[in-house]
Amino acid sequence: MTDDMPPDGRALTAAFDGDLLTEYVPDALGAADVRRRLALGRPLDDGALEPLHVGRLRVPLTRRAETVPVVSCAARARLLLLTEEALAGHAPRPEVFSYRSLGWEYRPAYQARQRHLRTLAARPELPLVLVLDVHRFGRSLPLATLRRAPWMTERLAGALTALHGAAGRSLLPGHRWSNRLATAALAPLDDTVAALAPGRWARWGDDLHIFVRDHAEADGIRAAVVTALQELGLRLSAEKSTVTAPAAVLAGPARVIDGHPAEVWRTGLAADDVTALRYALPRTPPDEAVSRTLVGAVRDRPVLLPRAVHYLDLAAGTAAGRAAAQELLRTAAADAFTAARVLALAGRHPDLAAEVPDALLAVAYDSGFVPLCELAFRVDVSRGRGDRPPPSTRMRDLRTADGLSPRQQPQVSTLL
């Protein structure tokens, strides 16, 4: 990238870098080629990209596992560009904190919502909180609802229609462009809530917290929300929608975790507090006690794997960290989600590549999903075993690791 790149190209590249933090399958070359095209302001739909292909990963979440569709970095970048083109004039209400703009940043926005919720929780005249969640929002938002949105463009509508045909849905979890569209699609719902509880609510994604005076007000707002959602082809989640006390919000989405990260890790293990453990891992410098307990923690809580790999990327230079990385690689579960993460680590540390089990490489190759096959090929090359045909044209020159820029590596920093 150069200083003379278009300003919108610079902003798009920064936004896409943020998108990489929620990448289920890290790009084998750190998305260097896609970032370059975005920086130059190229349209990413000039016929040079591969046909849209949707892979599927079984992803562990905090309380369950879910099969999610995934697409390549190039496809994500094109959808990001088309989404930003469509939403250029759209401005969410101030009570909406998620994915507001091209320059939006996750952590500052999350902290702003925490402050807003704590301020509302301190108001004695609002003793109850109406918590509302849309039933399977990402999977159930109708394509027709998106297509008739006032900001929709013909190019974006075409891309979403093609995606829906391949994936069975128009929004893909973890993608910045998808979250931007999801945030904008619920604007009619925001108008309904703002009219009934002005300044007394907050939304992140499809999660609503509305502070109310009594149960009667909560019932009235809930009924209005049900009607607004029906007009969008959606419905409330019966399981996740409730009325609770502000204290529950203070212990949940408004909870602030602080303290020395290594100590947060220790107490989080003792309390089986996954939120604390996720907080600690990306903030902890290489620490012997953390390294020694890391693999066991991930084995018991697979949702920690992305952040554990992020931690080990830094800790692999220490004796305890290297031992943990070797153990994680040797004992990794043979599934595509695990392969995506540990192959990215081995791709960044070729001296660890020998520890990758052949079974895990086979899972990656057998997935048929090109980005995952590229990660496996990169590890094979670093082990001197580039005997398989390259899975894509951009990997043809990757017969050895020589000459690769440090910037052209899988990325392991993550919000997952």
Protein backbone atom coordinates (compact mmCIF):
# COMPACT_ATOMS: atom_id res chain seq x y z
CA MET A 1 0.00 0.00 0.00
CA THR A 2 1.16 3.56 -0.66
CA ASP A 3 0.39 6.98 0.71
CA ASP A 4 -1.27 8.00 -2.57
CA MET A 5 -4.04 5.40 -2.31
CA PRO A 6 -7.60 6.79 -2.49
CA PRO A 7 -8.99 7.81 0.94
CA ASP A 8 -11.92 5.43 0.51
CA GLY A 9 -9.45 2.67 -0.36
CA ARG A 10 -7.56 3.34 2.87
CA ALA A 11 -10.79 3.21 4.86
CA LEU A 12 -11.95 0.03 3.14
CA THR A 13 -8.62 -1.64 3.84
CA ALA A 14 -8.81 -0.68 7.53
CA ALA A 15 -12.37 -2.00 7.71
CA PHE A 16 -11.33 -5.26 6.06
CA ASP A 17 -8.46 -5.62 8.52
CA GLY A 18 -11.10 -5.48 11.24
CA ASP A 19 -13.10 -8.09 9.35
CA LEU A 20 -10.10 -10.43 9.45
CA LEU A 21 -10.41 -10.49 13.25
CA THR A 22 -13.60 -12.52 12.88
CA GLU A 23 -12.22 -14.79 10.15
CA TYR A 24 -13.17 -18.42 10.77
CA VAL A 25 -10.54 -19.54 8.24
CA PRO A 26 -7.44 -17.29 8.30
CA ASP A 27 -6.11 -16.46 4.85
CA ALA A 28 -2.89 -18.34 4.01
CA LEU A 29 -1.21 -15.13 2.81
CA GLY A 30 -2.77 -12.75 5.30
CA ALA A 31 -5.20 -11.50 2.63
CA ALA A 32 -2.34 -9.45 1.20
CA ASP A 33 -3.66 -9.71 -2.35
CA VAL A 34 -7.21 -8.74 -1.39
CA ARG A 35 -6.07 -5.84 0.79
CA ARG A 36 -4.00 -4.51 -2.08
CA ARG A 37 -6.99 -4.51 -4.41
CA LEU A 38 -9.14 -2.74 -1.82
CA ALA A 39 -6.44 -0.13 -1.21
CA LEU A 40 -6.31 0.62 -4.92
CA GLY A 41 -10.08 1.00 -5.02
CA ARG A 42 -10.56 -1.82 -7.49
CA PRO A 43 -14.11 -3.13 -7.81
CA LEU A 44 -13.29 -6.78 -6.98
CA ASP A 45 -15.93 -7.93 -9.43
CA ASP A 46 -14.06 -7.62 -12.71
CA GLY A 47 -14.04 -11.34 -13.44
CA ALA A 48 -10.61 -11.96 -11.89
CA LEU A 49 -12.03 -13.59 -8.79
CA GLU A 50 -12.86 -17.24 -8.34
CA PRO A 51 -16.52 -18.32 -8.53
CA LEU A 52 -18.41 -18.03 -5.25
CA HIS A 53 -17.85 -21.19 -3.21
CA VAL A 54 -19.32 -21.71 0.24
CA GLY A 55 -17.56 -23.94 2.78
CA ARG A 56 -19.05 -25.13 6.06
CA LEU A 57 -17.43 -25.38 9.48
CA ARG A 58 -18.73 -26.80 12.73
CA VAL A 59 -17.85 -23.96 15.12
CA PRO A 60 -17.86 -24.27 18.93
CA LEU A 61 -19.69 -21.48 20.72
CA THR A 62 -19.84 -20.85 24.46
CA ARG A 63 -22.88 -23.06 25.06
CA ARG A 64 -23.29 -25.02 21.84
CA ALA A 65 -21.74 -25.78 18.46
CA GLU A 66 -23.13 -24.49 15.19
CA THR A 67 -22.42 -25.21 11.54
CA VAL A 68 -21.67 -21.95 9.74
CA PRO A 69 -21.10 -21.16 6.07
CA VAL A 70 -17.80 -19.48 5.15
CA VAL A 71 -16.52 -17.83 1.98
CA SER A 72 -13.11 -16.73 0.76
CA CYS A 73 -11.43 -13.44 1.63
CA ALA A 74 -11.97 -12.24 -1.92
CA ALA A 75 -15.71 -12.87 -1.72
CA ARG A 76 -15.88 -11.15 1.66
CA ALA A 77 -13.99 -8.13 0.36
CA ARG A 78 -16.34 -7.76 -2.59
CA LEU A 79 -19.37 -7.92 -0.30
CA LEU A 80 -17.74 -5.38 2.02
CA LEU A 81 -17.21 -2.96 -0.86
CA LEU A 82 -20.77 -3.37 -2.17
CA THR A 83 -22.22 -3.01 1.34
CA GLU A 84 -20.34 0.20 2.06
CA GLU A 85 -21.38 1.56 -1.31
CA ALA A 86 -25.03 0.88 -0.42
CA LEU A 87 -24.87 2.17 3.17
CA ALA A 88 -22.93 5.36 2.43
CA GLY A 89 -25.91 7.52 3.40
CA HIS A 90 -27.34 5.37 6.19
CA ALA A 91 -26.91 6.57 9.81
CA PRO A 92 -28.16 4.36 12.68
CA ARG A 93 -29.75 5.90 15.76
CA PRO A 94 -27.29 6.74 18.56
CA GLU A 95 -28.65 3.95 20.76
CA VAL A 96 -27.38 1.43 18.18
CA PHE A 97 -23.77 0.58 19.01
CA SER A 98 -22.90 -2.27 16.63
CA TYR A 99 -21.26 -1.86 13.22
CA ARG A 100 -22.38 1.69 12.68
CA SER A 101 -20.06 2.88 9.91
CA LEU A 102 -17.07 2.12 7.73
CA GLY A 103 -14.75 3.51 10.41
CA TRP A 104 -16.46 1.71 13.31
CA GLU A 105 -14.20 -0.11 15.80
CA TYR A 106 -15.34 -3.06 17.91
CA ARG A 107 -13.79 -2.51 21.33
CA PRO A 108 -14.52 1.24 21.69
CA ALA A 109 -18.10 0.60 20.60
CA TYR A 110 -18.52 -2.27 23.04
CA GLN A 111 -17.18 -0.13 25.86
CA ALA A 112 -19.53 2.71 24.87
CA ARG A 113 -22.49 0.35 25.15
CA GLN A 114 -21.26 -0.78 28.56
CA ARG A 115 -21.18 2.83 29.76
CA HIS A 116 -24.63 3.53 28.33
CA LEU A 117 -26.14 0.46 29.99
CA ARG A 118 -24.55 1.29 33.35
CA THR A 119 -25.91 4.83 33.16
CA LEU A 120 -29.42 3.53 32.53
CA ALA A 121 -29.09 0.88 35.24
CA ALA A 122 -28.36 3.63 37.77
CA ARG A 123 -31.72 5.36 37.19
CA PRO A 124 -34.04 4.39 40.10
CA GLU A 125 -37.19 5.21 38.15
CA LEU A 126 -36.32 2.37 35.70
CA PRO A 127 -36.34 -0.77 37.89
CA LEU A 128 -36.80 -3.29 35.04
CA VAL A 129 -35.07 -4.17 31.78
CA LEU A 130 -36.89 -5.69 28.83
CA VAL A 131 -34.36 -7.94 27.09
CA LEU A 132 -35.32 -8.89 23.53
CA ASP A 133 -33.55 -11.09 20.98
CA VAL A 134 -34.58 -11.97 17.44
CA HIS A 135 -35.04 -15.68 16.80
CA ARG A 136 -32.08 -16.93 14.72
CA PHE A 137 -31.73 -13.50 13.17
CA GLY A 138 -28.75 -14.18 10.90
CA ARG A 139 -30.32 -17.29 9.45
CA SER A 140 -33.92 -16.11 9.25
CA LEU A 141 -33.69 -12.55 7.87
CA PRO A 142 -35.51 -12.89 4.54
CA LEU A 143 -33.65 -11.96 1.37
CA ALA A 144 -36.77 -10.05 0.31
CA THR A 145 -36.50 -7.84 3.42
CA LEU A 146 -32.96 -6.86 2.50
CA ARG A 147 -33.80 -6.33 -1.17
CA ARG A 148 -36.57 -3.83 -0.36
CA ALA A 149 -34.50 -1.80 2.14
CA PRO A 150 -34.37 1.88 1.10
CA TRP A 151 -30.57 1.85 0.81
CA MET A 152 -30.30 -1.32 -1.32
CA THR A 153 -28.45 -1.10 -4.64
CA GLU A 154 -28.81 -3.31 -7.69
CA ARG A 155 -25.23 -4.63 -7.44
CA LEU A 156 -25.54 -5.54 -3.76
CA ALA A 157 -28.95 -7.14 -4.31
CA GLY A 158 -27.44 -9.31 -7.05
CA ALA A 159 -24.53 -10.38 -4.87
CA LEU A 160 -26.81 -11.23 -1.93
CA THR A 161 -29.14 -13.19 -4.19
CA ALA A 162 -26.21 -15.26 -5.46
CA LEU A 163 -24.97 -15.82 -1.91
CA HIS A 164 -28.42 -16.88 -0.75
CA GLY A 165 -28.56 -19.41 -3.58
CA ALA A 166 -25.21 -20.91 -2.55
CA ALA A 167 -25.44 -20.67 1.26
CA GLY A 168 -29.19 -20.70 1.91
CA ARG A 169 -28.94 -17.38 3.75
CA SER A 170 -27.99 -13.78 3.04
CA LEU A 171 -26.02 -12.98 6.21
CA LEU A 172 -22.92 -14.92 7.21
CA PRO A 173 -21.78 -14.93 10.87
CA GLY A 174 -18.63 -13.07 11.79
CA HIS A 175 -18.37 -10.97 8.65
CA ARG A 176 -18.20 -7.20 8.99
CA TRP A 177 -20.27 -6.57 5.86
CA SER A 178 -22.90 -8.97 7.17
CA ASN A 179 -23.09 -7.26 10.56
CA ARG A 180 -23.32 -3.89 8.82
CA LEU A 181 -26.30 -5.09 6.81
CA ALA A 182 -27.90 -6.71 9.86
CA THR A 183 -27.58 -3.48 11.84
CA ALA A 184 -29.11 -1.43 9.03
CA ALA A 185 -31.91 -3.90 8.31
CA LEU A 186 -33.33 -3.44 11.83
CA ALA A 187 -33.65 0.35 11.51
CA PRO A 188 -37.50 0.13 11.33
CA LEU A 189 -37.41 -1.72 14.66
CA ASP A 190 -35.22 1.03 16.13
CA ASP A 191 -37.80 3.62 15.11
CA THR A 192 -40.51 1.69 16.98
CA VAL A 193 -38.47 1.37 20.18
CA ALA A 194 -37.24 4.97 20.07
CA ALA A 195 -40.82 6.25 19.91
CA LEU A 196 -41.85 4.24 22.98
CA ALA A 197 -38.71 4.48 25.15
CA PRO A 198 -36.69 7.47 23.94
CA GLY A 199 -33.10 7.31 25.17
CA ARG A 200 -33.85 4.31 27.41
CA TRP A 201 -32.57 1.50 25.23
CA ALA A 202 -29.55 0.06 23.49
CA ARG A 203 -29.07 -2.36 20.61
CA TRP A 204 -26.09 -4.51 19.64
CA GLY A 205 -26.79 -6.72 16.65
CA ASP A 206 -30.24 -8.12 17.33
CA ASP A 207 -29.93 -7.83 21.13
CA LEU A 208 -32.15 -5.14 22.64
CA HIS A 209 -32.06 -3.83 26.23
CA ILE A 210 -34.95 -1.48 27.03
CA PHE A 211 -35.19 0.05 30.51
CA VAL A 212 -38.82 0.39 31.66
CA ARG A 213 -40.86 1.64 34.60
CA ASP A 214 -43.06 -1.42 35.14
CA HIS A 215 -44.27 -4.68 33.62
CA ALA A 216 -47.16 -2.97 31.88
CA GLU A 217 -44.78 -0.75 29.92
CA ALA A 218 -42.61 -3.78 29.14
CA ASP A 219 -45.64 -5.67 27.79
CA GLY A 220 -46.65 -2.74 25.58
CA ILE A 221 -43.19 -2.33 24.09
CA ARG A 222 -42.81 -6.05 23.55
CA ALA A 223 -46.11 -6.17 21.64
CA ALA A 224 -44.99 -3.26 19.44
CA VAL A 225 -41.67 -4.98 18.76
CA VAL A 226 -43.43 -8.18 17.76
CA THR A 227 -45.47 -6.24 15.20
CA ALA A 228 -42.40 -4.41 13.85
CA LEU A 229 -40.53 -7.68 13.47
CA GLN A 230 -43.43 -9.34 11.69
CA GLU A 231 -43.25 -6.61 9.06
CA LEU A 232 -39.62 -7.60 8.51
CA GLY A 233 -40.41 -11.31 8.33
CA LEU A 234 -38.87 -11.96 11.77
CA ARG A 235 -39.97 -13.00 15.26
CA LEU A 236 -38.73 -12.81 18.83
CA SER A 237 -36.78 -15.59 20.50
CA ALA A 238 -39.03 -16.97 23.24
CA GLU A 239 -36.00 -18.43 25.00
CA LYS A 240 -33.88 -15.27 25.11
CA SER A 241 -36.52 -12.57 25.56
CA THR A 242 -37.37 -11.70 29.16
CA VAL A 243 -37.85 -8.98 31.78
CA THR A 244 -35.08 -8.76 34.36
CA ALA A 245 -33.50 -6.44 36.91
CA PRO A 246 -30.74 -3.95 36.02
CA ALA A 247 -28.37 -6.00 38.20
CA ALA A 248 -28.54 -8.80 35.64
CA VAL A 249 -27.42 -6.41 32.92
CA LEU A 250 -24.57 -5.15 35.11
CA ALA A 251 -23.41 -8.74 35.54
CA GLY A 252 -23.85 -9.48 31.82
CA PRO A 253 -23.34 -7.17 28.84
CA ALA A 254 -22.45 -4.18 31.03
CA ARG A 255 -19.92 -6.17 33.05
CA VAL A 256 -16.42 -4.70 33.05
CA ILE A 257 -13.52 -7.12 33.46
CA ASP A 258 -10.22 -5.60 34.55
CA GLY A 259 -7.08 -6.47 36.47
CA HIS A 260 -3.77 -8.04 35.50
CA PRO A 261 -4.55 -10.43 32.61
CA ALA A 262 -2.56 -13.35 34.08
CA GLU A 263 -4.52 -13.02 37.33
CA VAL A 264 -7.79 -12.76 35.40
CA TRP A 265 -6.79 -16.01 33.67
CA ARG A 266 -6.08 -17.75 37.00
CA THR A 267 -9.36 -16.69 38.61
CA GLY A 268 -11.26 -17.39 35.39
CA LEU A 269 -10.00 -20.97 35.40
CA ALA A 270 -11.03 -21.41 39.02
CA ALA A 271 -14.52 -20.04 38.34
CA ASP A 272 -14.93 -21.62 34.89
CA ASP A 273 -15.56 -18.08 33.61
CA VAL A 274 -15.18 -18.26 29.83
CA THR A 275 -15.73 -14.52 29.45
CA ALA A 276 -12.80 -13.78 31.74
CA LEU A 277 -10.61 -16.34 29.98
CA ARG A 278 -11.38 -14.82 26.58
CA TYR A 279 -10.56 -11.40 27.99
CA ALA A 280 -7.23 -12.55 29.42
CA LEU A 281 -5.71 -14.45 26.50
CA PRO A 282 -5.10 -11.64 23.97
CA ARG A 283 -3.92 -9.30 26.73
CA THR A 284 -1.47 -11.63 28.48
CA PRO A 285 2.21 -11.46 27.53
CA PRO A 286 4.01 -14.83 27.50
CA ASP A 287 3.49 -16.23 31.00
CA GLU A 288 4.70 -19.62 32.24
CA ALA A 289 1.61 -20.35 34.36
CA VAL A 290 -0.75 -19.43 31.52
CA SER A 291 1.23 -21.53 29.03
CA ARG A 292 1.20 -24.56 31.33
CA THR A 293 -2.57 -24.47 31.79
CA LEU A 294 -3.52 -23.36 28.28
CA VAL A 295 -3.94 -26.66 26.43
CA GLY A 296 -6.11 -28.17 29.15
CA ALA A 297 -8.27 -25.06 29.21
CA VAL A 298 -8.78 -25.23 25.44
CA ARG A 299 -9.50 -28.95 25.56
CA ASP A 300 -12.30 -28.30 28.06
CA ARG A 301 -13.51 -25.12 26.33
CA PRO A 302 -12.94 -25.33 22.53
CA VAL A 303 -14.39 -21.83 22.09
CA LEU A 304 -11.07 -20.52 23.45
CA LEU A 305 -9.03 -21.95 20.56
CA PRO A 306 -8.79 -18.80 18.38
CA ARG A 307 -7.54 -16.66 21.26
CA ALA A 308 -5.25 -19.43 22.49
CA VAL A 309 -3.56 -19.49 19.09
CA HIS A 310 -3.21 -15.70 19.26
CA TYR A 311 -1.52 -16.05 22.66
CA LEU A 312 0.78 -18.85 21.47
CA ASP A 313 1.87 -16.84 18.45
CA LEU A 314 3.70 -14.58 20.92
CA ALA A 315 4.50 -17.19 23.55
CA ALA A 316 6.07 -19.73 21.16
CA GLY A 317 9.42 -18.01 21.66
CA THR A 318 9.51 -19.12 25.31
CA ALA A 319 10.17 -22.65 26.55
CA ALA A 320 6.76 -23.03 28.21
CA GLY A 321 4.96 -21.42 25.28
CA ARG A 322 6.70 -23.62 22.73
CA ALA A 323 5.87 -26.73 24.75
CA ALA A 324 2.21 -25.63 24.87
CA ALA A 325 2.16 -24.96 21.12
CA GLN A 326 3.67 -28.37 20.39
CA GLU A 327 1.15 -30.10 22.63
CA LEU A 328 -1.75 -28.19 21.11
CA LEU A 329 -0.66 -29.16 17.60
CA ARG A 330 -0.05 -32.82 18.47
CA THR A 331 -3.39 -33.26 20.27
CA ALA A 332 -5.58 -31.05 18.07
CA ALA A 333 -9.02 -32.41 17.27
CA ALA A 334 -9.37 -33.52 13.66
CA ASP A 335 -12.04 -31.07 12.51
CA ALA A 336 -12.03 -28.17 10.07
CA PHE A 337 -12.44 -25.39 12.65
CA THR A 338 -9.46 -26.64 14.64
CA ALA A 339 -7.45 -27.15 11.46
CA ALA A 340 -8.05 -23.55 10.39
CA ARG A 341 -6.64 -22.21 13.64
CA VAL A 342 -3.68 -24.50 14.29
CA LEU A 343 -2.56 -24.53 10.65
CA ALA A 344 -2.46 -20.74 10.79
CA LEU A 345 -0.16 -21.00 13.82
CA ALA A 346 2.08 -23.53 12.08
CA GLY A 347 2.08 -21.33 8.98
CA ARG A 348 3.50 -18.47 11.02
CA HIS A 349 6.03 -20.69 12.83
CA PRO A 350 7.46 -23.17 10.29
CA ASP A 351 9.57 -24.78 13.02
CA LEU A 352 6.29 -26.00 14.54
CA ALA A 353 4.97 -27.45 11.29
CA ALA A 354 6.44 -30.89 11.93
CA GLU A 355 4.11 -31.23 14.94
CA VAL A 356 0.97 -31.01 12.80
CA PRO A 357 -0.67 -34.46 12.54
CA ASP A 358 -1.22 -35.79 9.04
CA ALA A 359 -4.85 -36.41 9.97
CA LEU A 360 -5.38 -32.69 10.54
CA LEU A 361 -3.87 -31.83 7.16
CA ALA A 362 -6.12 -34.44 5.57
CA VAL A 363 -9.18 -32.80 7.17
CA ALA A 364 -8.16 -29.48 5.65
CA TYR A 365 -7.54 -30.91 2.18
CA ASP A 366 -10.68 -33.05 2.26
CA SER A 367 -12.83 -30.02 3.16
CA GLY A 368 -12.70 -28.91 -0.47
CA PHE A 369 -12.77 -25.31 0.77
CA VAL A 370 -9.95 -23.54 -1.05
CA PRO A 371 -8.82 -21.17 1.77
CA LEU A 372 -8.47 -24.12 4.16
CA CYS A 373 -6.65 -26.17 1.51
CA GLU A 374 -4.28 -23.22 1.03
CA LEU A 375 -3.43 -23.22 4.74
CA ALA A 376 -2.65 -26.94 4.59
CA PHE A 377 -0.54 -26.47 1.46
CA ARG A 378 1.42 -23.69 3.13
CA VAL A 379 2.25 -25.96 6.08
CA ASP A 380 3.20 -28.78 3.70
CA VAL A 381 5.56 -26.44 1.85
CA SER A 382 7.20 -25.29 5.06
CA ARG A 383 7.83 -28.97 5.88
CA GLY A 384 9.42 -29.48 2.47
CA ARG A 385 6.49 -31.60 1.31
CA GLY A 386 4.95 -29.46 -1.41
CA ASP A 387 4.23 -32.54 -3.51
CA ARG A 388 0.49 -31.96 -3.82
CA PRO A 389 -0.82 -29.81 -6.66
CA PRO A 390 -1.31 -26.22 -5.44
CA PRO A 391 -4.98 -25.72 -4.51
CA SER A 392 -5.16 -22.32 -6.24
CA THR A 393 -3.31 -20.20 -8.76
CA ARG A 394 -1.99 -17.83 -6.11
CA MET A 395 -0.25 -20.70 -4.31
CA ARG A 396 1.65 -22.01 -7.33
CA ASP A 397 4.81 -20.12 -6.43
CA LEU A 398 4.73 -21.28 -2.82
CA ARG A 399 7.05 -24.24 -3.29
CA THR A 400 9.30 -23.01 -0.50
CA ALA A 401 8.85 -20.46 2.26
CA ASP A 402 11.83 -18.47 0.93
CA GLY A 403 11.09 -14.94 -0.15
CA LEU A 404 7.73 -14.63 1.59
CA SER A 405 7.22 -11.28 3.23
CA PRO A 406 6.46 -11.38 6.97
CA ARG A 407 3.27 -9.50 6.09
CA GLN A 408 2.19 -12.38 3.85
CA GLN A 409 1.39 -14.76 6.67
CA PRO A 410 -1.84 -16.09 8.15
CA GLN A 411 -3.21 -13.68 10.71
CA VAL A 412 -4.05 -14.96 14.20
CA SER A 413 -5.24 -11.79 15.97
CA THR A 414 -8.92 -12.36 16.55
CA LEU A 415 -12.17 -11.22 18.12
CA LEU A 416 -13.54 -14.77 18.10
